[in-house]
PDB file of N, CA and C in Angstrom:
ATOM      1  N   UNK A   1       0.816  -1.450   0.108  1.00  0.00           N
ATOM      2  CA  UNK A   1       0.141   0.105  -0.036  1.00  0.00           C
ATOM      3  C   UNK A   1       0.664   1.199   0.134  1.00  0.00           C
ATOM      4  N   UNK A   2       0.720   2.325  -0.871  1.00  0.00           N
ATOM      5  CA  UNK A   2       1.255   3.437  -0.937  1.00  0.00           C
ATOM      6  C   UNK A   2       0.467   4.387  -0.526  1.00  0.00           C
ATOM      7  N   UNK A   3       1.515   5.662  -0.089  1.00  0.00           N
ATOM      8  CA  UNK A   3       0.752   6.742   0.774  1.00  0.00           C
ATOM      9  C   UNK A   3       1.366   7.776   0.232  1.00  0.00           C
ATOM     10  N   UNK A   4       0.708   9.203   0.368  1.00  0.00           N
ATOM     11  CA  UNK A   4       1.208  10.377   0.159  1.00  0.00           C
ATOM     12  C   UNK A   4       1.310  11.235   1.511  1.00  0.00           C
ATOM     13  N   UNK A   5       2.591  11.947   1.634  1.00  0.00           N
ATOM     14  CA  UNK A   5       3.056  12.413   2.853  1.00  0.00           C
ATOM     15  C   UNK A   5       3.289  13.644   2.903  1.00  0.00           C
ATOM     16  N   UNK A   6       2.473  14.846   3.310  1.00  0.00           N
ATOM     17  CA  UNK A   6       2.997  16.251   3.042  1.00  0.00           C
ATOM     18  C   UNK A   6       3.529  16.790   4.390  1.00  0.00           C
ATOM     19  N   UNK A   7       4.470  17.543   4.481  1.00  0.00           N
ATOM     20  CA  UNK A   7       4.890  18.077   5.664  1.00  0.00           C
ATOM     21  C   UNK A   7       4.982  19.820   5.212  1.00  0.00           C
ATOM     22  N   UNK A   8       4.677  20.321   5.937  1.00  0.00           N
ATOM     23  CA  UNK A   8       4.823  22.160   5.882  1.00  0.00           C
ATOM     24  C   UNK A   8       5.168  22.615   6.837  1.00  0.00           C
ATOM     25  N   UNK A   9       6.244  23.802   7.153  1.00  0.00           N
ATOM     26  CA  UNK A   9       6.472  24.453   8.278  1.00  0.00           C
ATOM     27  C   UNK A   9       7.559  25.329   8.428  1.00  0.00           C
ATOM     28  N   UNK A  10       7.785  26.277   9.029  1.00  0.00           N
ATOM     29  CA  UNK A  10       8.905  27.188   9.036  1.00  0.00           C
ATOM     30  C   UNK A  10      10.222  26.209   8.701  1.00  0.00           C
ATOM     31  N   UNK A  11      10.925  26.768   7.731  1.00  0.00           N
ATOM     32  CA  UNK A  11      12.172  26.061   7.664  1.00  0.00           C
ATOM     33  C   UNK A  11      13.157  26.149   8.934  1.00  0.00           C
ATOM     34  N   UNK A  12      14.001  24.927   8.908  1.00  0.00           N
ATOM     35  CA  UNK A  12      14.560  24.448  10.036  1.00  0.00           C
ATOM     36  C   UNK A  12      15.490  23.556   9.644  1.00  0.00           C
ATOM     37  N   UNK A  13      16.897  23.770   9.948  1.00  0.00           N
ATOM     38  CA  UNK A  13      17.900  22.282  10.343  1.00  0.00           C
ATOM     39  C   UNK A  13      17.073  21.393  10.717  1.00  0.00           C
ATOM     40  N   UNK A  14      17.285  19.860   9.972  1.00  0.00           N
ATOM     41  CA  UNK A  14      16.808  18.488  10.125  1.00  0.00           C
ATOM     42  C   UNK A  14      15.530  18.189   9.634  1.00  0.00           C
ATOM     43  N   UNK A  15      14.590  18.904   9.232  1.00  0.00           N
ATOM     44  CA  UNK A  15      13.521  18.448   8.997  1.00  0.00           C
ATOM     45  C   UNK A  15      13.325  17.279   8.091  1.00  0.00           C
ATOM     46  N   UNK A  16      13.953  17.304   7.038  1.00  0.00           N
ATOM     47  CA  UNK A  16      14.212  15.943   6.402  1.00  0.00           C
ATOM     48  C   UNK A  16      14.471  14.994   7.332  1.00  0.00           C
ATOM     49  N   UNK A  17      15.748  14.820   7.728  1.00  0.00           N
ATOM     50  CA  UNK A  17      15.890  13.924   8.490  1.00  0.00           C
ATOM     51  C   UNK A  17      14.922  13.651   9.739  1.00  0.00           C
ATOM     52  N   UNK A  18      14.253  14.416  10.221  1.00  0.00           N
ATOM     53  CA  UNK A  18      13.384  14.071  11.305  1.00  0.00           C
ATOM     54  C   UNK A  18      12.121  13.165  10.949  1.00  0.00           C
ATOM     55  N   UNK A  19      11.934  13.587   9.745  1.00  0.00           N
ATOM     56  CA  UNK A  19      10.586  12.848   9.035  1.00  0.00           C
ATOM     57  C   UNK A  19      11.041  11.772   8.765  1.00  0.00           C
ATOM     58  N   UNK A  20      12.121  11.423   7.733  1.00  0.00           N
ATOM     59  CA  UNK A  20      12.253  10.292   7.163  1.00  0.00           C
ATOM     60  C   UNK A  20      12.900   9.120   8.120  1.00  0.00           C
ATOM     61  N   UNK A  21      13.316   9.635   9.548  1.00  0.00           N
ATOM     62  CA  UNK A  21      13.788   8.973  10.393  1.00  0.00           C
ATOM     63  C   UNK A  21      12.309   8.359  11.368  1.00  0.00           C
ATOM     64  N   UNK A  22      11.436   9.203  11.244  1.00  0.00           N
ATOM     65  CA  UNK A  22      10.205   8.788  11.961  1.00  0.00           C
ATOM     66  C   UNK A  22       9.649   7.542  10.823  1.00  0.00           C
ATOM     67  N   UNK A  23       9.542   7.971   9.700  1.00  0.00           N
ATOM     68  CA  UNK A  23       8.683   6.904   8.875  1.00  0.00           C
ATOM     69  C   UNK A  23       9.703   5.689   8.769  1.00  0.00           C
ATOM     70  N   UNK A  24      11.034   5.413   8.675  1.00  0.00           N
ATOM     71  CA  UNK A  24      11.940   4.519   8.711  1.00  0.00           C
ATOM     72  C   UNK A  24      11.692   3.700   9.921  1.00  0.00           C
ATOM     73  N   UNK A  25      11.360   4.399  11.048  1.00  0.00           N
ATOM     74  CA  UNK A  25      11.138   3.814  12.390  1.00  0.00           C
ATOM     75  C   UNK A  25      10.332   2.607  12.496  1.00  0.00           C
ATOM     76  N   UNK A  26       9.204   3.201  11.541  1.00  0.00           N
ATOM     77  CA  UNK A  26       7.877   2.277  11.630  1.00  0.00           C
ATOM     78  C   UNK A  26       7.538   1.575  10.013  1.00  0.00           C
ATOM     79  N   UNK A  27       9.237   1.395   9.617  1.00  0.00           N
ATOM     80  CA  UNK A  27       9.161   0.183   8.108  1.00  0.00           C
ATOM     81  C   UNK A  27       8.590   0.797   7.196  1.00  0.00           C
ATOM     82  N   UNK A  28       8.362   2.441   6.758  1.00  0.00           N
ATOM     83  CA  UNK A  28       7.880   2.850   5.930  1.00  0.00           C
ATOM     84  C   UNK A  28       8.917   3.402   4.632  1.00  0.00           C
ATOM     85  N   UNK A  29       8.805   2.912   3.643  1.00  0.00           N
ATOM     86  CA  UNK A  29       9.986   3.282   2.660  1.00  0.00           C
ATOM     87  C   UNK A  29       9.844   4.304   1.615  1.00  0.00           C
ATOM     88  N   UNK A  30      10.478   5.225   1.732  1.00  0.00           N
ATOM     89  CA  UNK A  30      10.350   6.568   0.613  1.00  0.00           C
ATOM     90  C   UNK A  30      10.456   5.933  -0.616  1.00  0.00           C
ATOM     91  N   UNK A  31       9.666   6.133  -1.620  1.00  0.00           N
ATOM     92  CA  UNK A  31       9.797   6.151  -2.979  1.00  0.00           C
ATOM     93  C   UNK A  31      10.165   7.223  -3.587  1.00  0.00           C
ATOM     94  N   UNK A  32       9.652   8.187  -3.282  1.00  0.00           N
ATOM     95  CA  UNK A  32       9.894   9.606  -4.493  1.00  0.00           C
ATOM     96  C   UNK A  32       9.577  10.376  -3.454  1.00  0.00           C
ATOM     97  N   UNK A  33      10.369  11.619  -3.574  1.00  0.00           N
ATOM     98  CA  UNK A  33      10.250  12.814  -2.716  1.00  0.00           C
ATOM     99  C   UNK A  33      10.551  14.178  -3.505  1.00  0.00           C
ATOM    100  N   UNK A  34       9.679  15.085  -3.239  1.00  0.00           N
ATOM    101  CA  UNK A  34      10.055  16.492  -3.967  1.00  0.00           C
ATOM    102  C   UNK A  34       9.982  17.491  -2.537  1.00  0.00           C
ATOM    103  N   UNK A  35      10.913  18.270  -2.432  1.00  0.00           N
ATOM    104  CA  UNK A  35      11.176  19.193  -1.433  1.00  0.00           C
ATOM    105  C   UNK A  35      11.592  20.837  -2.004  1.00  0.00           C
ATOM    106  N   UNK A  36      10.872  21.779  -1.284  1.00  0.00           N
ATOM    107  CA  UNK A  36      11.466  22.968  -1.526  1.00  0.00           C
ATOM    108  C   UNK A  36      11.445  24.091  -0.444  1.00  0.00           C
ATOM    109  N   UNK A  37      11.911  25.315  -0.664  1.00  0.00           N
ATOM    110  CA  UNK A  37      11.893  26.074   0.220  1.00  0.00           C
ATOM    111  C   UNK A  37      11.406  27.410  -0.318  1.00  0.00           C
ATOM    112  N   UNK A  38      10.331  27.703   0.164  1.00  0.00           N
ATOM    113  CA  UNK A  38       9.187  29.026  -0.309  1.00  0.00           C
ATOM    114  C   UNK A  38       9.665  30.090   0.381  1.00  0.00           C
ATOM    115  N   UNK A  39      10.666  30.984   0.161  1.00  0.00           N
ATOM    116  CA  UNK A  39      11.074  32.117   1.218  1.00  0.00           C
ATOM    117  C   UNK A  39      11.367  31.252   2.578  1.00  0.00           C
ATOM    118  N   UNK A  40      10.363  31.412   3.539  1.00  0.00           N
ATOM    119  CA  UNK A  40      11.113  30.794   4.812  1.00  0.00           C
ATOM    120  C   UNK A  40      10.351  29.450   5.015  1.00  0.00           C
ATOM    121  N   UNK A  41       9.261  28.855   3.886  1.00  0.00           N
ATOM    122  CA  UNK A  41       8.928  27.720   4.588  1.00  0.00           C
ATOM    123  C   UNK A  41       9.355  26.555   3.761  1.00  0.00           C
ATOM    124  N   UNK A  42       9.463  25.654   4.498  1.00  0.00           N
ATOM    125  CA  UNK A  42       9.678  24.184   4.090  1.00  0.00           C
ATOM    126  C   UNK A  42       8.501  23.518   3.334  1.00  0.00           C
ATOM    127  N   UNK A  43       8.449  23.011   2.411  1.00  0.00           N
ATOM    128  CA  UNK A  43       7.310  22.071   1.827  1.00  0.00           C
ATOM    129  C   UNK A  43       8.099  20.770   1.577  1.00  0.00           C
ATOM    130  N   UNK A  44       7.200  19.729   1.612  1.00  0.00           N
ATOM    131  CA  UNK A  44       7.778  18.770   1.061  1.00  0.00           C
ATOM    132  C   UNK A  44       6.698  17.410   0.853  1.00  0.00           C
ATOM    133  N   UNK A  45       6.507  16.609  -0.618  1.00  0.00           N
ATOM    134  CA  UNK A  45       5.745  15.755  -0.636  1.00  0.00           C
ATOM    135  C   UNK A  45       6.514  14.525  -0.845  1.00  0.00           C
ATOM    136  N   UNK A  46       6.095  13.320  -0.281  1.00  0.00           N
ATOM    137  CA  UNK A  46       6.426  12.218  -0.619  1.00  0.00           C
ATOM    138  C   UNK A  46       5.756  11.099  -1.023  1.00  0.00           C
ATOM    139  N   UNK A  47       5.851  10.219  -1.558  1.00  0.00           N
ATOM    140  CA  UNK A  47       5.451   9.018  -2.152  1.00  0.00           C
ATOM    141  C   UNK A  47       5.957   7.970  -1.350  1.00  0.00           C
ATOM    142  N   UNK A  48       5.349   6.930  -0.519  1.00  0.00           N
ATOM    143  CA  UNK A  48       5.820   6.339   0.360  1.00  0.00           C
ATOM    144  C   UNK A  48       5.191   4.866   0.332  1.00  0.00           C
ATOM    145  N   UNK A  49       5.972   3.612   0.712  1.00  0.00           N
ATOM    146  CA  UNK A  49       5.337   2.130   0.403  1.00  0.00           C
ATOM    147  C   UNK A  49       4.995   2.073   2.087  1.00  0.00           C
ATOM    148  N   UNK A  50       4.047   1.476   2.499  1.00  0.00           N
ATOM    149  CA  UNK A  50       3.583   1.049   3.732  1.00  0.00           C
ATOM    150  C   UNK A  50       3.195  -0.166   3.965  1.00  0.00           C
ATOM    151  N   UNK A  51       3.587  -0.968   3.088  1.00  0.00           N
ATOM    152  CA  UNK A  51       3.587  -2.475   3.087  1.00  0.00           C
ATOM    153  C   UNK A  51       3.957  -3.120   4.282  1.00  0.00           C
ATOM    154  N   UNK A  52       5.038  -2.731   4.668  1.00  0.00           N
ATOM    155  CA  UNK A  52       5.688  -3.559   5.754  1.00  0.00           C
ATOM    156  C   UNK A  52       5.687  -2.924   7.029  1.00  0.00           C
ATOM    157  N   UNK A  53       4.478  -1.719   7.191  1.00  0.00           N
ATOM    158  CA  UNK A  53       4.533  -0.894   8.474  1.00  0.00           C
ATOM    159  C   UNK A  53       4.268  -1.843   9.583  1.00  0.00           C
ATOM    160  N   UNK A  54       4.453  -1.173  10.749  1.00  0.00           N
ATOM    161  CA  UNK A  54       4.261  -2.427  11.971  1.00  0.00           C
ATOM    162  C   UNK A  54       3.487  -1.748  13.094  1.00  0.00           C
ATOM    163  N   UNK A  55       2.376  -1.072  12.675  1.00  0.00           N
ATOM    164  CA  UNK A  55       1.519  -0.787  13.203  1.00  0.00           C
ATOM    165  C   UNK A  55       0.288  -0.258  12.283  1.00  0.00           C
ATOM    166  N   UNK A  56      -0.879  -0.112  12.891  1.00  0.00           N
ATOM    167  CA  UNK A  56      -2.312  -0.080  12.143  1.00  0.00           C
ATOM    168  C   UNK A  56      -1.854   1.471  11.250  1.00  0.00           C
ATOM    169  N   UNK A  57      -2.253   1.945  10.056  1.00  0.00           N
ATOM    170  CA  UNK A  57      -2.639   2.806   9.248  1.00  0.00           C
ATOM    171  C   UNK A  57      -2.797   3.865   9.969  1.00  0.00           C
ATOM    172  N   UNK A  58      -4.117   3.704  10.562  1.00  0.00           N
ATOM    173  CA  UNK A  58      -4.785   4.807  11.204  1.00  0.00           C
ATOM    174  C   UNK A  58      -3.691   5.471  12.592  1.00  0.00           C
ATOM    175  N   UNK A  59      -2.732   4.360  13.143  1.00  0.00           N
ATOM    176  CA  UNK A  59      -2.164   5.166  13.851  1.00  0.00           C
ATOM    177  C   UNK A  59      -0.892   5.725  13.579  1.00  0.00           C
ATOM    178  N   UNK A  60      -0.462   4.982  12.546  1.00  0.00           N
ATOM    179  CA  UNK A  60       0.624   6.059  12.032  1.00  0.00           C
ATOM    180  C   UNK A  60       0.365   7.316  11.497  1.00  0.00           C
ATOM    181  N   UNK A  61      -0.934   7.513  10.978  1.00  0.00           N
ATOM    182  CA  UNK A  61      -1.290   8.861  10.766  1.00  0.00           C
ATOM    183  C   UNK A  61      -1.626   9.627  11.779  1.00  0.00           C
ATOM    184  N   UNK A  62      -2.123   9.480  13.220  1.00  0.00           N
ATOM    185  CA  UNK A  62      -2.007  10.206  14.261  1.00  0.00           C
ATOM    186  C   UNK A  62      -0.736  10.435  14.660  1.00  0.00           C
ATOM    187  N   UNK A  63       0.234   9.495  14.529  1.00  0.00           N
ATOM    188  CA  UNK A  63       1.473   9.334  15.330  1.00  0.00           C
ATOM    189  C   UNK A  63       2.315  10.651  14.645  1.00  0.00           C
ATOM    190  N   UNK A  64       2.142  10.672  13.106  1.00  0.00           N
ATOM    191  CA  UNK A  64       2.927  11.729  12.339  1.00  0.00           C
ATOM    192  C   UNK A  64       2.232  12.818  12.569  1.00  0.00           C
ATOM    193  N   UNK A  65       1.050  12.999  12.697  1.00  0.00           N
ATOM    194  CA  UNK A  65       0.419  14.468  13.175  1.00  0.00           C
ATOM    195  C   UNK A  65       0.601  15.060  14.444  1.00  0.00           C
ATOM    196  N   UNK A  66       0.750  13.916  15.203  1.00  0.00           N
ATOM    197  CA  UNK A  66       1.215  14.284  16.663  1.00  0.00           C
ATOM    198  C   UNK A  66       2.702  14.778  16.765  1.00  0.00           C
ATOM    199  N   UNK A  67       3.626  14.119  15.979  1.00  0.00           N
ATOM    200  CA  UNK A  67       5.212  14.469  16.077  1.00  0.00           C
ATOM    201  C   UNK A  67       5.023  15.622  15.221  1.00  0.00           C
ATOM    202  N   UNK A  68       4.270  15.867  14.134  1.00  0.00           N
ATOM    203  CA  UNK A  68       4.679  17.243  13.583  1.00  0.00           C
ATOM    204  C   UNK A  68       3.999  18.434  14.617  1.00  0.00           C
ATOM    205  N   UNK A  69       3.295  17.949  15.042  1.00  0.00           N
ATOM    206  CA  UNK A  69       2.815  19.493  16.252  1.00  0.00           C
ATOM    207  C   UNK A  69       3.718  19.621  17.020  1.00  0.00           C
ATOM    208  N   UNK A  70       4.358  18.521  17.464  1.00  0.00           N
ATOM    209  CA  UNK A  70       5.509  18.948  18.515  1.00  0.00           C
ATOM    210  C   UNK A  70       6.593  19.668  17.898  1.00  0.00           C
ATOM    211  N   UNK A  71       6.944  19.598  16.766  1.00  0.00           N
ATOM    212  CA  UNK A  71       8.040  20.252  15.880  1.00  0.00           C
ATOM    213  C   UNK A  71       7.700  21.200  15.122  1.00  0.00           C
ATOM    214  N   UNK A  72       6.472  21.888  15.519  1.00  0.00           N
ATOM    215  CA  UNK A  72       5.734  22.919  14.464  1.00  0.00           C
ATOM    216  C   UNK A  72       5.700  22.759  13.219  1.00  0.00           C
ATOM    217  N   UNK A  73       5.399  21.694  12.991  1.00  0.00           N
ATOM    218  CA  UNK A  73       5.354  21.266  11.608  1.00  0.00           C
ATOM    219  C   UNK A  73       3.958  20.668  11.170  1.00  0.00           C
ATOM    220  N   UNK A  74       3.518  20.677   9.815  1.00  0.00           N
ATOM    221  CA  UNK A  74       1.695  20.150   9.490  1.00  0.00           C
ATOM    222  C   UNK A  74       2.208  19.011   8.811  1.00  0.00           C
ATOM    223  N   UNK A  75       2.311  17.823   9.188  1.00  0.00           N
ATOM    224  CA  UNK A  75       2.762  16.502   8.550  1.00  0.00           C
ATOM    225  C   UNK A  75       1.070  15.647   8.385  1.00  0.00           C
ATOM    226  N   UNK A  76       0.890  15.459   7.419  1.00  0.00           N
ATOM    227  CA  UNK A  76      -0.308  14.373   6.950  1.00  0.00           C
ATOM    228  C   UNK A  76      -0.069  13.502   5.904  1.00  0.00           C
ATOM    229  N   UNK A  77      -0.327  12.311   6.057  1.00  0.00           N
ATOM    230  CA  UNK A  77      -0.459  11.200   5.393  1.00  0.00           C
ATOM    231  C   UNK A  77      -1.745  10.591   5.179  1.00  0.00           C
ATOM    232  N   UNK A  78      -1.521  10.236   3.856  1.00  0.00           N
ATOM    233  CA  UNK A  78      -2.991   9.595   3.259  1.00  0.00           C
ATOM    234  C   UNK A  78      -2.698   8.695   2.125  1.00  0.00           C
ATOM    235  N   UNK A  79      -3.647   7.637   2.130  1.00  0.00           N
ATOM    236  CA  UNK A  79      -3.697   6.498   1.243  1.00  0.00           C
ATOM    237  C   UNK A  79      -3.410   7.242   0.063  1.00  0.00           C
ATOM    238  N   UNK A  80      -2.732   6.635  -1.156  1.00  0.00           N
ATOM    239  CA  UNK A  80      -2.622   6.914  -2.328  1.00  0.00           C
ATOM    240  C   UNK A  80      -3.823   6.697  -3.372  1.00  0.00           C
ATOM    241  N   UNK A  81      -4.542   6.017  -2.953  1.00  0.00           N
ATOM    242  CA  UNK A  81      -5.869   5.618  -3.660  1.00  0.00           C
ATOM    243  C   UNK A  81      -6.627   6.809  -3.087  1.00  0.00           C
ATOM    244  N   UNK A  82      -6.878   7.033  -2.109  1.00  0.00           N
ATOM    245  CA  UNK A  82      -7.833   8.085  -1.520  1.00  0.00           C
ATOM    246  C   UNK A  82      -7.479   9.486  -2.046  1.00  0.00           C
ATOM    247  N   UNK A  83      -6.208   9.645  -1.996  1.00  0.00           N
ATOM    248  CA  UNK A  83      -5.798  11.165  -2.498  1.00  0.00           C
ATOM    249  C   UNK A  83      -5.727  11.048  -3.853  1.00  0.00           C
ATOM    250  N   UNK A  84      -5.782   9.964  -4.917  1.00  0.00           N
ATOM    251  CA  UNK A  84      -6.224  10.028  -6.268  1.00  0.00           C
ATOM    252  C   UNK A  84      -7.729  10.231  -6.434  1.00  0.00           C
ATOM    253  N   UNK A  85      -8.472   9.813  -5.321  1.00  0.00           N
ATOM    254  CA  UNK A  85      -9.953   9.979  -5.778  1.00  0.00           C
ATOM    255  C   UNK A  85     -10.474  11.251  -5.485  1.00  0.00           C
ATOM    256  N   UNK A  86      -9.596  11.739  -4.429  1.00  0.00           N
ATOM    257  CA  UNK A  86     -10.214  13.144  -4.047  1.00  0.00           C
ATOM    258  C   UNK A  86      -9.554  13.931  -5.236  1.00  0.00           C
ATOM    259  N   UNK A  87      -8.783  13.938  -6.105  1.00  0.00           N
ATOM    260  CA  UNK A  87      -8.059  15.165  -7.144  1.00  0.00           C
ATOM    261  C   UNK A  87      -8.483  14.646  -8.382  1.00  0.00           C
ATOM    262  N   UNK A  88      -9.523  13.726  -8.901  1.00  0.00           N
ATOM    263  CA  UNK A  88     -10.419  13.328 -10.084  1.00  0.00           C
ATOM    264  C   UNK A  88     -10.687  14.792 -10.473  1.00  0.00           C
ATOM    265  N   UNK A  89     -10.805  14.673 -11.663  1.00  0.00           N
ATOM    266  CA  UNK A  89     -11.276  15.837 -12.310  1.00  0.00           C
ATOM    267  C   UNK A  89     -12.565  15.642 -12.769  1.00  0.00           C
TER     268      UNK A  89
END
């Protein structure tokens, strides 16, 4: 199962490292990644593989959002099929 991860926040050292380490801790593999700095804001979108995760997907969603808030980041993860369905014309 693949998912889309979005990360937004004020630019700071270590955001990419923090997010990818958190994903790796739960056996989520990064398949593709795009990031940019827009003025002082960090933005990142990742396509990840959740086939081997070690907890229910809903718990991963809550964990990522909670850890994001603790680090002043907005982190969202949603299943790729739902993401695609929401963005069909």
